[in-house]
Protein backbone atom coordinates (compact mmCIF):
# COMPACT_ATOMS: atom_id res chain seq x y z
CA UNK A 1 25.22 117.35 -38.70
CA UNK A 2 27.00 118.78 -41.48
CA UNK A 3 30.61 119.53 -41.46
CA UNK A 4 31.97 122.99 -41.72
CA UNK A 5 34.20 123.86 -44.85
CA UNK A 6 37.26 124.73 -43.47
CA UNK A 7 40.36 125.70 -45.39
CA UNK A 8 43.64 123.64 -44.92
CA UNK A 9 46.47 126.42 -43.03
CA UNK A 10 49.72 125.54 -44.75
CA UNK A 11 51.74 128.34 -43.79
CA UNK A 12 51.67 131.80 -41.45
CA UNK A 13 52.50 135.11 -41.97
CA UNK A 14 54.54 137.02 -39.52
CA UNK A 15 53.53 140.56 -38.99
CA UNK A 16 57.06 141.75 -37.92
CA UNK A 17 57.67 145.27 -38.02
CA UNK A 18 54.67 146.11 -40.51
CA UNK A 19 53.28 148.65 -37.76
CA UNK A 20 56.67 150.76 -37.65
CA UNK A 21 57.63 151.06 -41.03
CA UNK A 22 59.79 153.94 -40.44
CA UNK A 23 61.97 151.40 -38.08
CA UNK A 24 62.71 148.70 -40.77
CA UNK A 25 66.01 149.81 -41.93
CA UNK A 26 66.91 150.70 -38.15
CA UNK A 27 65.86 147.30 -37.21
CA UNK A 28 67.50 145.45 -39.92
CA UNK A 29 71.09 147.43 -38.89
CA UNK A 30 70.65 146.54 -35.03
CA UNK A 31 70.08 142.75 -35.91
CA UNK A 32 73.44 142.74 -38.20
CA UNK A 33 75.49 144.39 -36.08
CA UNK A 34 74.16 142.30 -32.81
CA UNK A 35 74.68 139.13 -35.28
CA UNK A 36 78.50 140.08 -36.13
CA UNK A 37 79.21 139.64 -32.17
CA UNK A 38 76.80 137.28 -30.54
CA UNK A 39 77.41 134.42 -32.36
CA UNK A 40 81.24 134.30 -32.07
CA UNK A 41 80.77 135.36 -28.19
CA UNK A 42 78.27 132.47 -27.60
CA UNK A 43 80.79 130.02 -29.41
CA UNK A 44 83.64 131.38 -26.84
CA UNK A 45 81.55 130.79 -23.84
CA UNK A 46 80.66 127.04 -24.91
CA UNK A 47 83.87 126.07 -26.49
CA UNK A 48 87.61 125.82 -25.03
CA UNK A 49 89.09 127.78 -28.06
CA UNK A 50 88.94 131.40 -27.44
CA UNK A 51 91.21 132.31 -30.75
CA UNK A 52 90.04 134.17 -33.80
CA UNK A 53 91.98 134.64 -36.88
CA UNK A 54 93.79 137.83 -37.92
CA UNK A 55 91.45 138.10 -40.98
CA UNK A 56 88.20 137.09 -38.88
CA UNK A 57 88.84 139.66 -36.43
CA UNK A 58 89.43 142.58 -39.07
CA UNK A 59 86.12 141.27 -40.78
CA UNK A 60 84.29 141.39 -37.40
CA UNK A 61 85.51 145.05 -36.43
CA UNK A 62 84.62 146.35 -40.33
CA UNK A 63 80.98 144.79 -40.31
CA UNK A 64 80.70 145.90 -36.29
CA UNK A 65 81.71 149.42 -37.00
CA UNK A 66 79.84 149.64 -40.75
CA UNK A 67 76.58 148.63 -39.14
CA UNK A 68 77.03 150.48 -35.38
CA UNK A 69 77.87 153.70 -37.54
CA UNK A 70 74.95 153.17 -39.83
CA UNK A 71 72.80 152.51 -36.86
CA UNK A 72 73.90 155.91 -35.33
CA UNK A 73 73.35 157.79 -38.22
CA UNK A 74 69.75 156.16 -38.77
CA UNK A 75 68.55 157.75 -35.59
CA UNK A 76 69.67 161.08 -36.34
CA UNK A 77 67.96 160.77 -39.89
CA UNK A 78 64.90 159.11 -38.03
CA UNK A 79 64.52 162.17 -36.05
CA UNK A 80 64.75 164.70 -38.95
CA UNK A 81 61.69 162.46 -40.36
CA UNK A 82 60.06 162.93 -36.91
CA UNK A 83 60.51 166.89 -36.39
CA UNK A 84 61.16 168.33 -39.82
CA UNK A 85 58.81 166.51 -41.38
CA UNK A 86 56.34 165.07 -39.03
CA UNK A 87 56.09 167.75 -36.83
CA UNK A 88 56.45 170.88 -39.13
CA UNK A 89 54.77 169.44 -42.24
CA UNK A 90 52.42 166.91 -41.21
CA UNK A 91 50.14 167.29 -44.14
CA UNK A 92 53.01 166.89 -46.78
CA UNK A 93 54.50 163.86 -44.93
CA UNK A 94 53.46 161.35 -47.56
CA UNK A 95 54.76 163.67 -50.38
CA UNK A 96 58.20 164.62 -48.87
CA UNK A 97 59.02 161.13 -47.29
CA UNK A 98 58.27 159.09 -50.12
CA UNK A 99 59.83 155.94 -51.26
CA UNK A 100 62.42 157.01 -53.17
CA UNK A 101 63.67 160.00 -50.61
CA UNK A 102 63.76 157.14 -47.93
CA UNK A 103 66.00 154.89 -50.46
CA UNK A 104 68.02 157.77 -51.03
CA UNK A 105 68.56 158.66 -47.26
CA UNK A 106 69.17 155.01 -46.06
CA UNK A 107 71.68 154.33 -48.89
CA UNK A 108 73.72 157.65 -48.53
CA UNK A 109 73.82 156.34 -44.52
CA UNK A 110 74.60 152.90 -45.19
CA UNK A 111 77.57 154.14 -47.56
CA UNK A 112 78.93 156.71 -44.92
CA UNK A 113 78.77 154.33 -42.32
CA UNK A 114 80.79 151.48 -44.08
CA UNK A 115 83.26 153.98 -46.06
CA UNK A 116 84.07 155.15 -42.12
CA UNK A 117 84.46 151.60 -41.21
CA UNK A 118 86.84 150.18 -44.27
CA UNK A 119 88.83 153.30 -43.28
CA UNK A 120 89.24 152.61 -39.92
CA UNK A 121 89.92 148.81 -40.24
CA UNK A 122 92.60 149.40 -42.99
CA UNK A 123 94.50 151.71 -40.97
CA UNK A 124 94.23 149.31 -37.76
CA UNK A 125 95.12 146.17 -39.56
CA UNK A 126 98.40 147.73 -41.32
CA UNK A 127 100.01 147.96 -37.50
CA UNK A 128 102.41 145.00 -36.27
CA UNK A 129 100.85 143.47 -33.03
CA UNK A 130 103.27 142.23 -29.93
CA UNK A 131 100.66 140.50 -28.02
CA UNK A 132 97.52 137.97 -29.16
CA UNK A 133 95.25 138.71 -26.10
CA UNK A 134 92.28 140.95 -26.80
CA UNK A 135 91.00 141.85 -23.07
CA UNK A 136 87.41 142.11 -24.96
CA UNK A 137 84.58 139.91 -25.66
CA UNK A 138 84.95 140.69 -29.28
CA UNK A 139 87.26 142.73 -31.88
CA UNK A 140 86.59 146.48 -31.07
CA UNK A 141 89.07 149.40 -31.94
CA UNK A 142 90.67 150.30 -28.87
CA UNK A 143 91.24 146.78 -27.44
CA UNK A 144 92.81 145.77 -30.98
CA UNK A 145 95.29 149.04 -30.91
CA UNK A 146 96.51 147.99 -27.42
CA UNK A 147 97.99 145.16 -28.91
CA UNK A 148 99.95 146.92 -31.41
CA UNK A 149 103.63 147.71 -30.88
CA UNK A 150 103.08 151.49 -31.38
CA UNK A 151 99.94 153.19 -32.46
CA UNK A 152 100.88 156.23 -34.96
CA UNK A 153 99.01 159.54 -34.22
CA UNK A 154 96.89 159.07 -37.59
CA UNK A 155 94.74 156.02 -35.84
CA UNK A 156 94.17 158.46 -32.95
CA UNK A 157 92.86 161.26 -35.15
CA UNK A 158 90.88 158.83 -36.92
CA UNK A 159 89.13 157.12 -34.33
CA UNK A 160 88.40 160.65 -32.77
CA UNK A 161 87.04 161.97 -36.34
CA UNK A 162 84.86 158.71 -36.38
CA UNK A 163 83.45 159.25 -32.64
CA UNK A 164 82.76 162.69 -33.58
CA UNK A 165 81.09 161.92 -37.07
CA UNK A 166 78.98 158.55 -35.49
CA UNK A 167 78.24 159.82 -32.01
CA UNK A 168 78.82 163.65 -31.26
CA UNK A 169 77.21 165.00 -34.46
CA UNK A 170 74.28 162.92 -34.75
CA UNK A 171 73.53 163.49 -30.87
CA UNK A 172 73.96 167.10 -31.24
CA UNK A 173 71.38 166.98 -33.83
CA UNK A 174 69.25 164.91 -32.09
CA UNK A 175 69.60 166.95 -28.60
CA UNK A 176 68.34 170.02 -30.70
CA UNK A 177 65.37 168.53 -32.40
CA UNK A 178 64.32 166.89 -29.38
CA UNK A 179 64.41 170.40 -27.59
CA UNK A 180 62.46 171.66 -30.61
CA UNK A 181 59.72 169.03 -30.36
CA UNK A 182 58.94 169.45 -26.80
CA UNK A 183 58.70 173.15 -27.17
CA UNK A 184 55.98 172.42 -30.25
CA UNK A 185 54.54 169.89 -27.89
CA UNK A 186 53.98 172.63 -24.98
CA UNK A 187 52.20 174.82 -27.56
CA UNK A 188 49.50 172.09 -28.28
CA UNK A 189 46.46 173.56 -26.51
CA UNK A 190 44.76 170.19 -26.23
CA UNK A 191 45.74 167.77 -23.72
CA UNK A 192 44.99 165.02 -25.45
CA UNK A 193 46.91 166.07 -28.48
CA UNK A 194 49.94 166.72 -26.58
CA UNK A 195 49.90 163.48 -24.56
CA UNK A 196 49.50 161.72 -27.83
CA UNK A 197 52.64 163.52 -29.44
CA UNK A 198 54.74 163.01 -26.70
CA UNK A 199 54.04 159.19 -26.95
CA UNK A 200 54.61 158.93 -30.44
CA UNK A 201 58.33 160.15 -29.83
CA UNK A 202 59.15 158.64 -26.31
CA UNK A 203 60.15 155.38 -27.38
CA UNK A 204 62.63 156.67 -29.90
CA UNK A 205 63.86 159.23 -27.31
CA UNK A 206 64.45 156.10 -24.51
CA UNK A 207 66.52 154.29 -27.37
CA UNK A 208 68.35 157.30 -28.34
CA UNK A 209 69.36 157.73 -24.58
CA UNK A 210 70.52 154.38 -24.03
CA UNK A 211 72.39 154.19 -27.34
CA UNK A 212 74.33 157.13 -27.52
CA UNK A 213 74.50 157.02 -23.70
CA UNK A 214 76.54 153.63 -23.61
CA UNK A 215 78.21 154.72 -26.91
CA UNK A 216 79.54 158.00 -25.57
CA UNK A 217 80.63 156.42 -22.66
CA UNK A 218 82.46 153.53 -24.11
CA UNK A 219 84.59 155.88 -27.14
CA UNK A 220 84.96 159.20 -25.19
CA UNK A 221 86.35 157.92 -21.47
CA UNK A 222 90.25 157.74 -20.91
CA UNK A 223 91.49 154.45 -21.71
CA UNK A 224 92.77 153.05 -18.30
CA UNK A 225 94.14 149.60 -17.68
CA UNK A 226 91.95 148.90 -14.75
CA UNK A 227 88.53 149.75 -16.19
CA UNK A 228 88.94 146.60 -19.07
CA UNK A 229 86.03 144.74 -17.09
CA UNK A 230 83.63 147.95 -17.02
CA UNK A 231 84.52 148.50 -20.42
CA UNK A 232 83.14 145.08 -21.45
CA UNK A 233 79.99 145.34 -19.34
CA UNK A 234 79.59 148.82 -20.76
CA UNK A 235 80.08 146.86 -24.62
CA UNK A 236 77.57 144.38 -23.59
CA UNK A 237 74.87 147.08 -22.78
CA UNK A 238 74.85 148.75 -26.31
CA UNK A 239 75.84 145.72 -28.61
CA UNK A 240 73.62 143.03 -27.13
CA UNK A 241 70.79 144.81 -24.43
CA UNK A 242 69.77 147.56 -26.54
CA UNK A 243 69.04 145.82 -29.62
CA UNK A 244 67.08 143.23 -27.71
CA UNK A 245 64.99 146.06 -25.81
CA UNK A 246 64.37 148.42 -28.79
CA UNK A 247 61.56 145.97 -29.94
CA UNK A 248 60.01 146.08 -26.38
CA UNK A 249 60.53 150.02 -26.52
CA UNK A 250 58.81 150.58 -29.83
CA UNK A 251 56.29 147.87 -29.19
CA UNK A 252 54.81 149.45 -26.32
CA UNK A 253 53.53 152.28 -28.67
CA UNK A 254 51.14 149.46 -30.25
CA UNK A 255 47.66 150.31 -28.76
CA UNK A 256 46.87 146.43 -28.31
CA UNK A 257 50.33 145.89 -26.04
CA UNK A 258 49.21 148.78 -24.08
CA UNK A 259 45.86 147.50 -23.35
CA UNK A 260 47.21 144.26 -22.75
CA UNK A 261 49.93 145.63 -20.17
CA UNK A 262 47.08 147.52 -18.65
CA UNK A 263 45.16 144.54 -17.89
CA UNK A 264 48.15 142.16 -16.62
CA UNK A 265 49.41 145.38 -14.13
CA UNK A 266 45.71 146.23 -13.17
CA UNK A 267 45.09 142.06 -12.17
CA UNK A 268 48.45 142.14 -10.28
CA UNK A 269 47.92 145.32 -8.40
CA UNK A 270 43.81 144.87 -7.44
CA UNK A 271 44.10 140.98 -6.73
């Protein structure tokens, strides 16, 4: 009996997000802004030491805000990609959204995010602090500002401007874009075509609602002393849970994932 000629495998290749090339930068941004928080949070859970240096806190705020703002702006840029290009000019999509344009958009968003973060971080850590206890699980804007002897009006103005630029403006653009997308879908005469178009954007809409919904509650609600515990739970949602859910939400667009899910659910309901 002849032995088959097999080549010995010495390495494997990850598929990663190759099925979703438009989400590469978004996935990177979400991964990094979660990594800024999660290791320190896990260390606090298993270690008796709950302290963080002033420099460490400043670094955490800078990178968290930088990646968080970048992520918010990227969602808006993706919506521009979806509606203005993919829906309105589908045949010219490869020409309009080439790698050069994508690189310019991504670098502009990152530069804007980290510039806003730098201004906010410098403004916060120029203050004098009167107590060391941060009533939060990571260094965020309001919990750190609450430790200051006095918060100048400029800090409140900067926080408001940052919230408007990073949350309100992109969310408004996203809302208008989705109204236009839905109106375009309703004009599609083919039921199958409308269903496929809606399925394409449903995953992005789900992520947008979860992300902006939680971020809006966290940064626009009144700062009340008796809601500190609720604030931490809200922060866990958009800093930890949402980035973990995103691969699942976007993965449901994959035909193989959909077929596997249907087989599992069908076996469960009909067995």
